[in-house]
Amino acid sequence: MPEQAAAVGSAAATGEFPKVYRTTRLAAGQLIFPQQLIFDAHHVLTRKRKFPLWWIVHEESIPYAKIGSVSLKRGLMYSTVEIENTGGVDPIVFKGIGNQQALEVRDLIERMTRGPE
């Protein structure tokens, strides 16, 4: 746990947080409100809105210490990032992110869960 705190502290000192990724509007069900994946100093948060109930926001978060694995499903232009927690219930699924951004997301999560070496 102290290793993770040092990693978070160094990332926060460089101004890396909060970091926000958005899906493409071309993904199914995201034409008006793209899904967001937000990284802060302590957890990963996903935020979804759906039309026509745009005032209702569905948020899920996983602390870095509880992240079990990250998997990528890469397509020609867009990827799906799946973040599973150690409890094994309802992973965060982030569909329609660009391939380069998906690699950045995976690397950021791996760095935050691994801690300093």
C-alpha atoms as a PDB file:
ATOM      1  CA  MET A   1       0.000   0.000   0.000  1.00  0.00           C
ATOM      2  CA  PRO A   2       2.807   2.545   0.705  1.00  0.00           C
ATOM      3  CA  GLU A   3       4.209   1.800  -2.784  1.00  0.00           C
ATOM      4  CA  GLN A   4       0.885   2.726  -4.359  1.00  0.00           C
ATOM      5  CA  ALA A   5       0.688   5.935  -2.329  1.00  0.00           C
ATOM      6  CA  ALA A   6       4.130   6.917  -3.639  1.00  0.00           C
ATOM      7  CA  ALA A   7       3.035   6.233  -7.221  1.00  0.00           C
ATOM      8  CA  VAL A   8      -0.123   8.275  -6.782  1.00  0.00           C
ATOM      9  CA  GLY A   9       1.824  11.085  -5.144  1.00  0.00           C
ATOM     10  CA  SER A  10       4.360  11.259  -7.973  1.00  0.00           C
ATOM     11  CA  ALA A  11       1.624  11.191 -10.627  1.00  0.00           C
ATOM     12  CA  ALA A  12      -0.356  13.893  -8.841  1.00  0.00           C
ATOM     13  CA  ALA A  13       2.771  16.034  -8.487  1.00  0.00           C
ATOM     14  CA  THR A  14       3.287  15.980 -12.252  1.00  0.00           C
ATOM     15  CA  GLY A  15      -0.278  17.214 -12.814  1.00  0.00           C
ATOM     16  CA  GLU A  16      -1.396  13.955 -14.407  1.00  0.00           C
ATOM     17  CA  PHE A  17      -4.735  13.774 -12.538  1.00  0.00           C
ATOM     18  CA  PRO A  18      -7.605  14.028 -13.197  1.00  0.00           C
ATOM     19  CA  LYS A  19      -7.289  12.426 -16.624  1.00  0.00           C
ATOM     20  CA  VAL A  20     -10.448  12.030 -18.716  1.00  0.00           C
ATOM     21  CA  TYR A  21     -11.007   9.763 -21.716  1.00  0.00           C
ATOM     22  CA  ARG A  22     -14.187   9.806 -23.808  1.00  0.00           C
ATOM     23  CA  THR A  23     -15.572   7.238 -26.208  1.00  0.00           C
ATOM     24  CA  THR A  24     -16.354   8.025 -29.797  1.00  0.00           C
ATOM     25  CA  ARG A  25     -19.873   9.157 -30.584  1.00  0.00           C
ATOM     26  CA  LEU A  26     -20.034   6.444 -33.244  1.00  0.00           C
ATOM     27  CA  ALA A  27     -20.259   3.693 -30.598  1.00  0.00           C
ATOM     28  CA  ALA A  28     -23.705   2.197 -30.040  1.00  0.00           C
ATOM     29  CA  GLY A  29     -25.885   4.211 -27.673  1.00  0.00           C
ATOM     30  CA  GLN A  30     -23.396   7.066 -27.312  1.00  0.00           C
ATOM     31  CA  LEU A  31     -24.410   9.426 -30.104  1.00  0.00           C
ATOM     32  CA  ILE A  32     -25.381  12.314 -27.817  1.00  0.00           C
ATOM     33  CA  PHE A  33     -23.590  11.535 -24.543  1.00  0.00           C
ATOM     34  CA  PRO A  34     -20.266   9.703 -24.905  1.00  0.00           C
ATOM     35  CA  GLN A  35     -19.144   7.585 -21.961  1.00  0.00           C
ATOM     36  CA  GLN A  36     -16.299   9.008 -19.853  1.00  0.00           C
ATOM     37  CA  LEU A  37     -13.473   7.202 -18.088  1.00  0.00           C
ATOM     38  CA  ILE A  38     -11.955   9.425 -15.390  1.00  0.00           C
ATOM     39  CA  PHE A  39      -8.724   8.749 -13.496  1.00  0.00           C
ATOM     40  CA  ASP A  40      -7.993  10.619 -10.287  1.00  0.00           C
ATOM     41  CA  ALA A  41      -5.468  10.069  -7.531  1.00  0.00           C
ATOM     42  CA  HIS A  42      -7.432   7.272  -5.827  1.00  0.00           C
ATOM     43  CA  HIS A  43      -9.754   5.478  -8.256  1.00  0.00           C
ATOM     44  CA  VAL A  44     -11.020   4.916 -11.801  1.00  0.00           C
ATOM     45  CA  LEU A  45     -14.521   6.242 -12.474  1.00  0.00           C
ATOM     46  CA  THR A  46     -16.804   5.684 -15.450  1.00  0.00           C
ATOM     47  CA  ARG A  47     -19.704   8.022 -16.131  1.00  0.00           C
ATOM     48  CA  LYS A  48     -22.613   7.290 -18.491  1.00  0.00           C
ATOM     49  CA  ARG A  49     -25.693   9.256 -19.513  1.00  0.00           C
ATOM     50  CA  LYS A  50     -28.466   7.919 -21.708  1.00  0.00           C
ATOM     51  CA  PHE A  51     -30.931   9.695 -23.937  1.00  0.00           C
ATOM     52  CA  PRO A  52     -33.736  10.706 -23.252  1.00  0.00           C
ATOM     53  CA  LEU A  53     -33.071  10.589 -19.479  1.00  0.00           C
ATOM     54  CA  TRP A  54     -29.960  12.781 -19.759  1.00  0.00           C
ATOM     55  CA  TRP A  55     -30.244  14.065 -16.180  1.00  0.00           C
ATOM     56  CA  ILE A  56     -29.650  10.565 -14.802  1.00  0.00           C
ATOM     57  CA  VAL A  57     -25.936   9.781 -14.512  1.00  0.00           C
ATOM     58  CA  HIS A  58     -24.725   6.216 -13.912  1.00  0.00           C
ATOM     59  CA  GLU A  59     -21.284   6.138 -12.263  1.00  0.00           C
ATOM     60  CA  GLU A  60     -19.082   3.211 -11.285  1.00  0.00           C
ATOM     61  CA  SER A  61     -15.714   3.443  -9.580  1.00  0.00           C
ATOM     62  CA  ILE A  62     -12.956   1.051  -8.605  1.00  0.00           C
ATOM     63  CA  PRO A  63     -10.068   2.038  -6.308  1.00  0.00           C
ATOM     64  CA  TYR A  64      -6.653   1.236  -7.783  1.00  0.00           C
ATOM     65  CA  ALA A  65      -5.996  -1.251  -4.967  1.00  0.00           C
ATOM     66  CA  LYS A  66      -9.073  -3.281  -6.007  1.00  0.00           C
ATOM     67  CA  ILE A  67      -8.295  -3.560  -9.733  1.00  0.00           C
ATOM     68  CA  GLY A  68      -7.734  -7.197 -10.649  1.00  0.00           C
ATOM     69  CA  SER A  69      -6.995  -7.032 -14.374  1.00  0.00           C
ATOM     70  CA  VAL A  70      -7.298  -4.924 -17.495  1.00  0.00           C
ATOM     71  CA  SER A  71      -8.087  -6.404 -20.885  1.00  0.00           C
ATOM     72  CA  LEU A  72      -8.198  -4.827 -24.334  1.00  0.00           C
ATOM     73  CA  LYS A  73     -10.174  -5.952 -27.347  1.00  0.00           C
ATOM     74  CA  ARG A  74      -8.690  -4.063 -30.277  1.00  0.00           C
ATOM     75  CA  GLY A  75     -10.433  -3.478 -33.553  1.00  0.00           C
ATOM     76  CA  LEU A  76      -9.353  -1.680 -36.689  1.00  0.00           C
ATOM     77  CA  MET A  77      -9.893   1.817 -35.222  1.00  0.00           C
ATOM     78  CA  TYR A  78     -11.545   1.440 -31.814  1.00  0.00           C
ATOM     79  CA  SER A  79     -11.025  -0.724 -28.747  1.00  0.00           C
ATOM     80  CA  THR A  80     -12.961  -2.000 -25.766  1.00  0.00           C
ATOM     81  CA  VAL A  81     -11.271  -1.707 -22.363  1.00  0.00           C
ATOM     82  CA  GLU A  82     -12.522  -3.986 -19.592  1.00  0.00           C
ATOM     83  CA  ILE A  83     -11.402  -3.259 -16.032  1.00  0.00           C
ATOM     84  CA  GLU A  84     -12.124  -6.099 -13.612  1.00  0.00           C
ATOM     85  CA  ASN A  85     -12.066  -5.694  -9.863  1.00  0.00           C
ATOM     86  CA  THR A  86     -10.765  -8.232  -7.368  1.00  0.00           C
ATOM     87  CA  GLY A  87     -14.313  -8.895  -6.127  1.00  0.00           C
ATOM     88  CA  GLY A  88     -15.235 -10.250  -9.548  1.00  0.00           C
ATOM     89  CA  VAL A  89     -18.548  -8.418  -9.830  1.00  0.00           C
ATOM     90  CA  ASP A  90     -19.526  -6.242 -12.815  1.00  0.00           C
ATOM     91  CA  PRO A  91     -16.344  -5.065 -14.521  1.00  0.00           C
ATOM     92  CA  ILE A  92     -16.160  -1.574 -15.999  1.00  0.00           C
ATOM     93  CA  VAL A  93     -16.566  -1.906 -19.770  1.00  0.00           C
ATOM     94  CA  PHE A  94     -15.505   1.077 -21.857  1.00  0.00           C
ATOM     95  CA  LYS A  95     -16.426   0.596 -25.553  1.00  0.00           C
ATOM     96  CA  GLY A  96     -15.444   2.758 -28.485  1.00  0.00           C
ATOM     97  CA  ILE A  97     -12.162   4.316 -27.377  1.00  0.00           C
ATOM     98  CA  GLY A  98      -9.410   4.907 -29.921  1.00  0.00           C
ATOM     99  CA  ASN A  99      -6.688   2.278 -30.077  1.00  0.00           C
ATOM    100  CA  GLN A 100      -3.902   4.643 -28.977  1.00  0.00           C
ATOM    101  CA  GLN A 101      -5.950   5.945 -26.044  1.00  0.00           C
ATOM    102  CA  ALA A 102      -6.803   2.362 -25.036  1.00  0.00           C
ATOM    103  CA  LEU A 103      -3.094   1.578 -24.786  1.00  0.00           C
ATOM    104  CA  GLU A 104      -2.604   4.720 -22.670  1.00  0.00           C
ATOM    105  CA  VAL A 105      -5.451   3.631 -20.362  1.00  0.00           C
ATOM    106  CA  ARG A 106      -3.975   0.148 -19.949  1.00  0.00           C
ATOM    107  CA  ASP A 107      -0.494   1.511 -19.258  1.00  0.00           C
ATOM    108  CA  LEU A 108      -1.816   4.057 -16.743  1.00  0.00           C
ATOM    109  CA  ILE A 109      -3.789   1.407 -14.846  1.00  0.00           C
ATOM    110  CA  GLU A 110      -0.861  -0.995 -14.825  1.00  0.00           C
ATOM    111  CA  ARG A 111       1.447   1.741 -13.555  1.00  0.00           C
ATOM    112  CA  MET A 112      -0.970   2.778 -10.808  1.00  0.00           C
ATOM    113  CA  THR A 113      -1.630  -0.780  -9.637  1.00  0.00           C
ATOM    114  CA  ARG A 114       2.010  -1.871  -9.803  1.00  0.00           C
ATOM    115  CA  GLY A 115       3.492   1.031  -7.833  1.00  0.00           C
ATOM    116  CA  PRO A 116       7.107   2.219  -8.085  1.00  0.00           C
ATOM    117  CA  GLU A 117       9.814  -0.268  -8.850  1.00  0.00           C
END
